[in-house]
Amino acid sequence: MKKYLVLVVGFMLMMVPQRGNTQEENYLILNDIGAFKIHNQSRAFPDRKIRPITPYKRYNGSAGVLGSTGHFNYDHNDVTYTTGYDNSTVGMGVSAQVTQHSGSDSDKWLMHEVERDFRNYYGLPGDSYVMRVIDGNPIIAAGSGGWDYRWLSGNKVIYIEYTDLQMTKPEPIEVVQAYLAKHPSTLSTMTSADLRTVANETVWIKDEMDRRLWLCDKWFMQLQLRKVEERQVYQESVKSMNVFLDYREKYYGLKAAGEKNLLAGYLNTNNGTGIKAKLKEYKDWWVVNKEKAINL
């Protein structure tokens, strides 16, 4: 009987969710941070006998906040974890997102892509884009209708943001501090003035032109491996080549309209041979002109 009871108790313990052992807790803070309370339905409605909601979400295969940059993740698996906190005293909700990037050479563009949303279409820093140092950790941030905080910790991207259209509420610095303690920044120290030097702007612009051609190669490689459909490869490649051509026009003075019309014709007729030939032409041009000064 004693042996039977031990087995039953052991089985029951295995069935109980064990805090501290979830994969999400390696990335998120799933408890309150000072006055900021982790999302929890039972706290919001304490008089109702309902099961608390899961305070986090996990998205396999997601590039998280970098998804809008065209981050290439077709050859590896990124995982994004998200959660949120509420401060009822000041009426503020804060969202936190941590993405574990795990991809081959795609990770070399992480810092470049983390900045993308803080720059305009042509790669110049926005007025609200600043560098900050919190507890000795350099991070990037943008303050407009709230704050957006980002940094890298190795190949993890941490993204914390909240909305405050009037910019009158205190910043949720304790949330940022807590995540920095869990995921220390590996960014290089830089000032907001450094971001706006000709040298820094030139590097970012040329890196974006580099990245766009690199993205085209990555897409065509997936086609060669028969992992994606032709149409998707052609669409994504032309999209990146159009950005390259816009940058080339603005910073090197070569008109883009004719080339973009030609690419559009190739795309409309599903002419992959023509698109690939143009890609080679642009790559050859870039080899010759990459080191030249640009017109800022």
Protein backbone atom coordinates (compact mmCIF):
# COMPACT_ATOMS: atom_id res chain seq x y z
CA MET A 1 0.00 0.00 0.00
CA LYS A 2 2.81 2.41 0.91
CA LYS A 3 4.52 1.77 -2.42
CA TYR A 4 1.22 2.39 -4.22
CA LEU A 5 0.68 5.72 -2.41
CA VAL A 6 4.20 6.88 -3.28
CA LEU A 7 3.57 6.12 -6.94
CA VAL A 8 0.25 7.99 -6.90
CA VAL A 9 1.73 11.04 -5.17
CA GLY A 10 4.67 11.04 -7.58
CA PHE A 11 2.33 10.88 -10.56
CA MET A 12 0.20 13.73 -9.18
CA LEU A 13 3.28 15.93 -8.70
CA MET A 14 4.25 15.30 -12.28
CA MET A 15 0.81 16.49 -13.39
CA VAL A 16 1.07 19.82 -11.52
CA PRO A 17 2.57 22.65 -13.63
CA GLN A 18 5.99 23.49 -12.19
CA ARG A 19 6.80 27.21 -12.15
CA GLY A 20 10.39 27.89 -13.12
CA ASN A 21 10.62 25.03 -15.58
CA THR A 22 8.87 26.51 -18.60
CA GLN A 23 10.82 27.43 -21.71
CA GLU A 24 9.13 30.84 -21.65
CA GLU A 25 10.68 31.72 -18.30
CA ASN A 26 14.10 31.52 -19.91
CA TYR A 27 13.09 34.58 -21.89
CA LEU A 28 10.20 36.36 -20.15
CA ILE A 29 9.57 37.62 -16.63
CA LEU A 30 6.34 35.93 -15.66
CA ASN A 31 5.77 37.70 -12.38
CA ASP A 32 4.99 41.25 -11.27
CA ILE A 33 7.65 43.93 -11.70
CA GLY A 34 7.02 46.46 -8.96
CA ALA A 35 3.72 48.21 -9.69
CA PHE A 36 3.51 46.49 -13.08
CA LYS A 37 1.36 43.39 -12.76
CA ILE A 38 1.70 40.49 -15.16
CA HIS A 39 -1.44 39.99 -17.29
CA ASN A 40 -3.70 37.62 -15.39
CA GLN A 41 -7.43 37.28 -15.88
CA SER A 42 -8.14 36.13 -12.33
CA ARG A 43 -6.59 39.33 -10.95
CA ALA A 44 -8.67 41.45 -13.29
CA PHE A 45 -11.85 39.67 -12.22
CA PRO A 46 -11.18 38.37 -8.68
CA ASP A 47 -14.86 37.74 -7.99
CA ARG A 48 -15.21 35.32 -10.89
CA LYS A 49 -14.31 31.68 -10.64
CA ILE A 50 -12.52 31.45 -13.96
CA ARG A 51 -9.22 29.97 -14.90
CA PRO A 52 -6.38 32.50 -15.19
CA ILE A 53 -5.24 33.17 -18.75
CA THR A 54 -1.77 32.13 -19.78
CA PRO A 55 0.30 35.30 -19.30
CA TYR A 56 2.48 34.71 -22.34
CA LYS A 57 2.44 33.61 -25.96
CA ARG A 58 5.04 31.78 -27.99
CA TYR A 59 5.35 32.04 -31.76
CA ASN A 60 7.55 29.46 -33.43
CA GLY A 61 9.12 30.56 -36.70
CA SER A 62 8.53 34.23 -35.90
CA ALA A 63 11.13 36.99 -36.28
CA GLY A 64 9.12 39.13 -33.86
CA VAL A 65 9.64 42.87 -34.18
CA LEU A 66 12.15 42.25 -36.99
CA GLY A 67 9.50 40.67 -39.21
CA SER A 68 8.72 44.01 -40.83
CA THR A 69 12.35 44.48 -41.90
CA GLY A 70 12.35 41.50 -44.23
CA HIS A 71 14.41 39.42 -41.78
CA PHE A 72 15.18 36.18 -43.61
CA ASN A 73 14.17 33.16 -41.54
CA TYR A 74 13.36 30.54 -44.16
CA ASP A 75 16.55 28.60 -43.44
CA HIS A 76 16.27 28.55 -39.64
CA ASN A 77 13.71 28.76 -36.86
CA ASP A 78 13.38 31.91 -34.74
CA VAL A 79 11.09 31.84 -31.70
CA THR A 80 9.29 34.86 -30.25
CA TYR A 81 7.92 35.09 -26.70
CA THR A 82 5.55 37.90 -25.66
CA THR A 83 3.83 39.04 -22.49
CA GLY A 84 2.35 42.19 -20.98
CA TYR A 85 2.09 44.12 -17.72
CA ASP A 86 -0.45 46.61 -16.35
CA ASN A 87 0.04 49.49 -13.95
CA SER A 88 -3.42 50.52 -12.78
CA THR A 89 -2.06 53.43 -10.76
CA VAL A 90 -0.92 55.35 -13.84
CA GLY A 91 -3.20 53.58 -16.33
CA MET A 92 -0.44 52.05 -18.41
CA GLY A 93 0.03 48.78 -20.24
CA VAL A 94 3.50 47.62 -21.25
CA SER A 95 4.29 44.83 -23.69
CA ALA A 96 7.52 42.85 -23.72
CA GLN A 97 8.85 40.67 -26.49
CA VAL A 98 11.96 38.51 -26.62
CA THR A 99 12.97 36.77 -29.83
CA GLN A 100 15.60 34.06 -29.88
CA HIS A 101 17.25 34.25 -33.26
CA SER A 102 19.09 31.13 -34.28
CA GLY A 103 19.99 31.45 -37.89
CA SER A 104 23.27 30.96 -39.65
CA ASP A 105 24.43 34.11 -41.41
CA SER A 106 21.07 35.88 -40.98
CA ASP A 107 22.12 36.94 -37.50
CA LYS A 108 24.84 39.22 -38.87
CA TRP A 109 22.11 41.74 -39.73
CA LEU A 110 20.39 41.75 -36.33
CA MET A 111 21.66 45.13 -35.12
CA HIS A 112 21.01 46.66 -38.52
CA GLU A 113 17.45 45.32 -38.51
CA VAL A 114 16.79 46.33 -34.89
CA GLU A 115 17.39 49.94 -35.98
CA ARG A 116 15.32 49.76 -39.16
CA ASP A 117 12.06 51.10 -37.66
CA PHE A 118 13.91 54.05 -36.09
CA ARG A 119 15.17 55.28 -39.48
CA ASN A 120 13.32 56.73 -42.44
CA TYR A 121 12.94 54.95 -45.76
CA TYR A 122 16.37 56.13 -46.91
CA GLY A 123 18.16 55.03 -43.73
CA LEU A 124 18.54 58.33 -41.89
CA PRO A 125 17.83 58.37 -38.11
CA GLY A 126 14.43 59.71 -37.11
CA ASP A 127 14.20 62.73 -34.80
CA SER A 128 12.94 60.62 -31.90
CA TYR A 129 15.68 57.96 -32.21
CA VAL A 130 18.10 58.13 -29.28
CA MET A 131 20.73 56.05 -27.57
CA ARG A 132 20.21 55.50 -23.84
CA VAL A 133 22.25 53.90 -21.09
CA ILE A 134 20.29 52.21 -18.30
CA ASP A 135 22.14 50.53 -15.44
CA GLY A 136 25.27 50.59 -17.56
CA ASN A 137 23.52 48.92 -20.51
CA PRO A 138 23.36 50.74 -23.86
CA ILE A 139 20.00 50.44 -25.59
CA ILE A 140 18.26 52.17 -28.49
CA ALA A 141 14.94 53.91 -28.03
CA ALA A 142 12.40 56.11 -29.78
CA GLY A 143 10.04 58.40 -27.91
CA SER A 144 6.91 59.46 -29.76
CA GLY A 145 3.43 58.72 -28.43
CA GLY A 146 5.11 56.46 -25.87
CA TRP A 147 8.49 54.79 -25.85
CA ASP A 148 9.91 51.88 -27.82
CA TYR A 149 13.03 50.30 -26.24
CA ARG A 150 15.20 47.74 -28.04
CA TRP A 151 18.52 46.01 -27.60
CA LEU A 152 20.44 42.86 -28.41
CA SER A 153 21.62 40.34 -25.89
CA GLY A 154 23.76 38.04 -27.98
CA ASN A 155 21.40 36.85 -30.70
CA LYS A 156 18.27 37.65 -28.70
CA VAL A 157 16.27 40.77 -29.56
CA ILE A 158 14.46 42.43 -26.66
CA TYR A 159 11.63 44.83 -27.43
CA ILE A 160 9.58 46.71 -24.81
CA GLU A 161 6.99 49.33 -25.66
CA TYR A 162 4.00 51.24 -24.37
CA THR A 163 1.62 53.92 -25.66
CA ASP A 164 1.29 57.38 -24.15
CA LEU A 165 0.03 59.76 -26.82
CA GLN A 166 0.41 62.84 -24.61
CA MET A 167 3.82 61.75 -23.26
CA THR A 168 2.78 62.69 -19.71
CA LYS A 169 3.13 59.36 -17.91
CA PRO A 170 6.33 58.20 -16.21
CA GLU A 171 8.38 55.79 -18.27
CA PRO A 172 8.22 52.14 -17.11
CA ILE A 173 11.96 52.10 -16.45
CA GLU A 174 11.65 49.34 -13.82
CA VAL A 175 10.35 46.98 -16.53
CA VAL A 176 13.28 47.86 -18.80
CA GLN A 177 15.70 47.42 -15.89
CA ALA A 178 14.27 44.01 -15.04
CA TYR A 179 14.70 42.78 -18.61
CA LEU A 180 18.20 44.22 -18.80
CA ALA A 181 19.08 42.28 -15.64
CA LYS A 182 17.77 39.10 -17.28
CA HIS A 183 19.17 39.86 -20.75
CA PRO A 184 22.15 42.26 -20.49
CA SER A 185 22.74 44.41 -23.55
CA THR A 186 25.57 43.50 -25.89
CA LEU A 187 25.27 46.71 -27.90
CA SER A 188 28.28 48.95 -28.33
CA THR A 189 28.15 52.22 -26.43
CA MET A 190 27.23 55.12 -28.69
CA THR A 191 25.71 58.56 -28.22
CA SER A 192 22.67 59.96 -30.00
CA ALA A 193 25.01 62.41 -31.74
CA ASP A 194 27.13 59.50 -33.00
CA LEU A 195 24.06 58.10 -34.80
CA ARG A 196 23.85 61.24 -36.88
CA THR A 197 27.44 61.50 -38.07
CA VAL A 198 28.12 61.16 -41.78
CA ALA A 199 30.26 58.09 -41.09
CA ASN A 200 27.53 56.25 -39.19
CA GLU A 201 24.80 57.16 -41.67
CA THR A 202 27.01 56.09 -44.57
CA VAL A 203 27.71 52.69 -42.99
CA TRP A 204 24.03 52.00 -42.35
CA ILE A 205 22.97 53.05 -45.86
CA LYS A 206 25.60 50.90 -47.56
CA ASP A 207 24.78 47.99 -45.27
CA GLU A 208 21.12 48.24 -46.31
CA MET A 209 22.12 48.13 -49.99
CA ASP A 210 24.32 45.13 -49.20
CA ARG A 211 21.55 43.42 -47.26
CA ARG A 212 19.02 43.88 -50.04
CA LEU A 213 21.24 42.10 -52.56
CA TRP A 214 22.04 39.44 -49.96
CA LEU A 215 18.31 38.89 -49.42
CA CYS A 216 17.85 38.28 -53.15
CA ASP A 217 20.58 35.64 -53.08
CA LYS A 218 18.96 33.99 -50.05
CA TRP A 219 15.61 33.80 -51.83
CA PHE A 220 17.08 32.33 -55.00
CA MET A 221 18.97 29.77 -52.93
CA GLN A 222 15.69 28.62 -51.39
CA LEU A 223 14.28 28.27 -54.90
CA GLN A 224 17.27 26.19 -55.90
CA LEU A 225 16.62 23.98 -52.88
CA ARG A 226 12.94 23.80 -53.91
CA LYS A 227 11.75 25.06 -50.53
CA VAL A 228 9.64 27.96 -51.80
CA GLU A 229 7.51 28.73 -54.84
CA GLU A 230 8.94 30.63 -57.81
CA ARG A 231 6.42 33.44 -57.54
CA GLN A 232 7.33 34.24 -53.95
CA VAL A 233 11.03 34.31 -54.78
CA TYR A 234 10.48 36.67 -57.70
CA GLN A 235 8.24 38.98 -55.68
CA GLU A 236 10.59 39.19 -52.71
CA SER A 237 13.65 39.65 -54.91
CA VAL A 238 12.09 42.45 -56.94
CA LYS A 239 10.95 44.15 -53.74
CA SER A 240 14.51 44.18 -52.39
CA MET A 241 15.98 45.23 -55.73
CA ASN A 242 13.57 48.17 -55.83
CA VAL A 243 14.87 49.34 -52.45
CA PHE A 244 18.44 48.94 -53.72
CA LEU A 245 17.59 51.01 -56.80
CA ASP A 246 15.93 53.75 -54.73
CA TYR A 247 19.04 54.00 -52.55
CA ARG A 248 21.28 53.97 -55.61
CA GLU A 249 19.30 56.82 -57.13
CA LYS A 250 19.34 58.94 -53.99
CA TYR A 251 22.95 58.39 -52.96
CA TYR A 252 24.71 57.66 -56.27
CA GLY A 253 22.57 59.67 -58.69
CA LEU A 254 21.45 56.86 -61.04
CA LYS A 255 17.80 57.10 -62.10
CA ALA A 256 15.69 54.18 -60.88
CA ALA A 257 12.42 54.50 -62.81
CA GLY A 258 13.50 52.68 -65.96
CA GLU A 259 15.06 49.79 -64.05
CA LYS A 260 12.04 49.45 -61.78
CA ASN A 261 9.69 49.37 -64.77
CA LEU A 262 11.81 46.67 -66.36
CA LEU A 263 11.73 44.60 -63.18
CA ALA A 264 7.95 45.06 -62.94
CA GLY A 265 7.61 43.71 -66.49
CA TYR A 266 9.74 40.68 -65.65
CA LEU A 267 7.64 40.08 -62.54
CA ASN A 268 4.35 40.38 -64.45
CA THR A 269 5.51 37.76 -66.96
CA ASN A 270 7.10 35.54 -64.31
CA ASN A 271 10.46 35.99 -66.06
CA GLY A 272 12.85 34.61 -63.46
CA THR A 273 15.75 34.56 -65.93
CA GLY A 274 15.40 38.31 -66.49
CA ILE A 275 15.13 39.04 -62.77
CA LYS A 276 18.20 36.96 -61.98
CA ALA A 277 20.18 38.64 -64.77
CA LYS A 278 19.33 42.05 -63.32
CA LEU A 279 20.39 40.89 -59.88
CA LYS A 280 23.80 39.92 -61.26
CA GLU A 281 24.07 43.30 -62.99
CA TYR A 282 23.36 45.16 -59.75
CA LYS A 283 25.78 43.00 -57.77
CA ASP A 284 28.54 43.64 -60.31
CA TRP A 285 27.84 47.37 -60.17
CA TRP A 286 27.94 47.28 -56.37
CA VAL A 287 31.36 45.61 -56.30
CA VAL A 288 32.78 48.49 -58.35
CA ASN A 289 30.97 51.33 -56.55
CA LYS A 290 30.48 50.25 -52.95
CA GLU A 291 33.54 52.04 -51.61
CA LYS A 292 32.78 55.35 -53.32
CA ALA A 293 31.55 58.33 -51.32
CA ILE A 294 27.79 58.90 -51.30
CA ASN A 295 25.77 62.10 -51.52
CA LEU A 296 24.18 62.69 -48.11
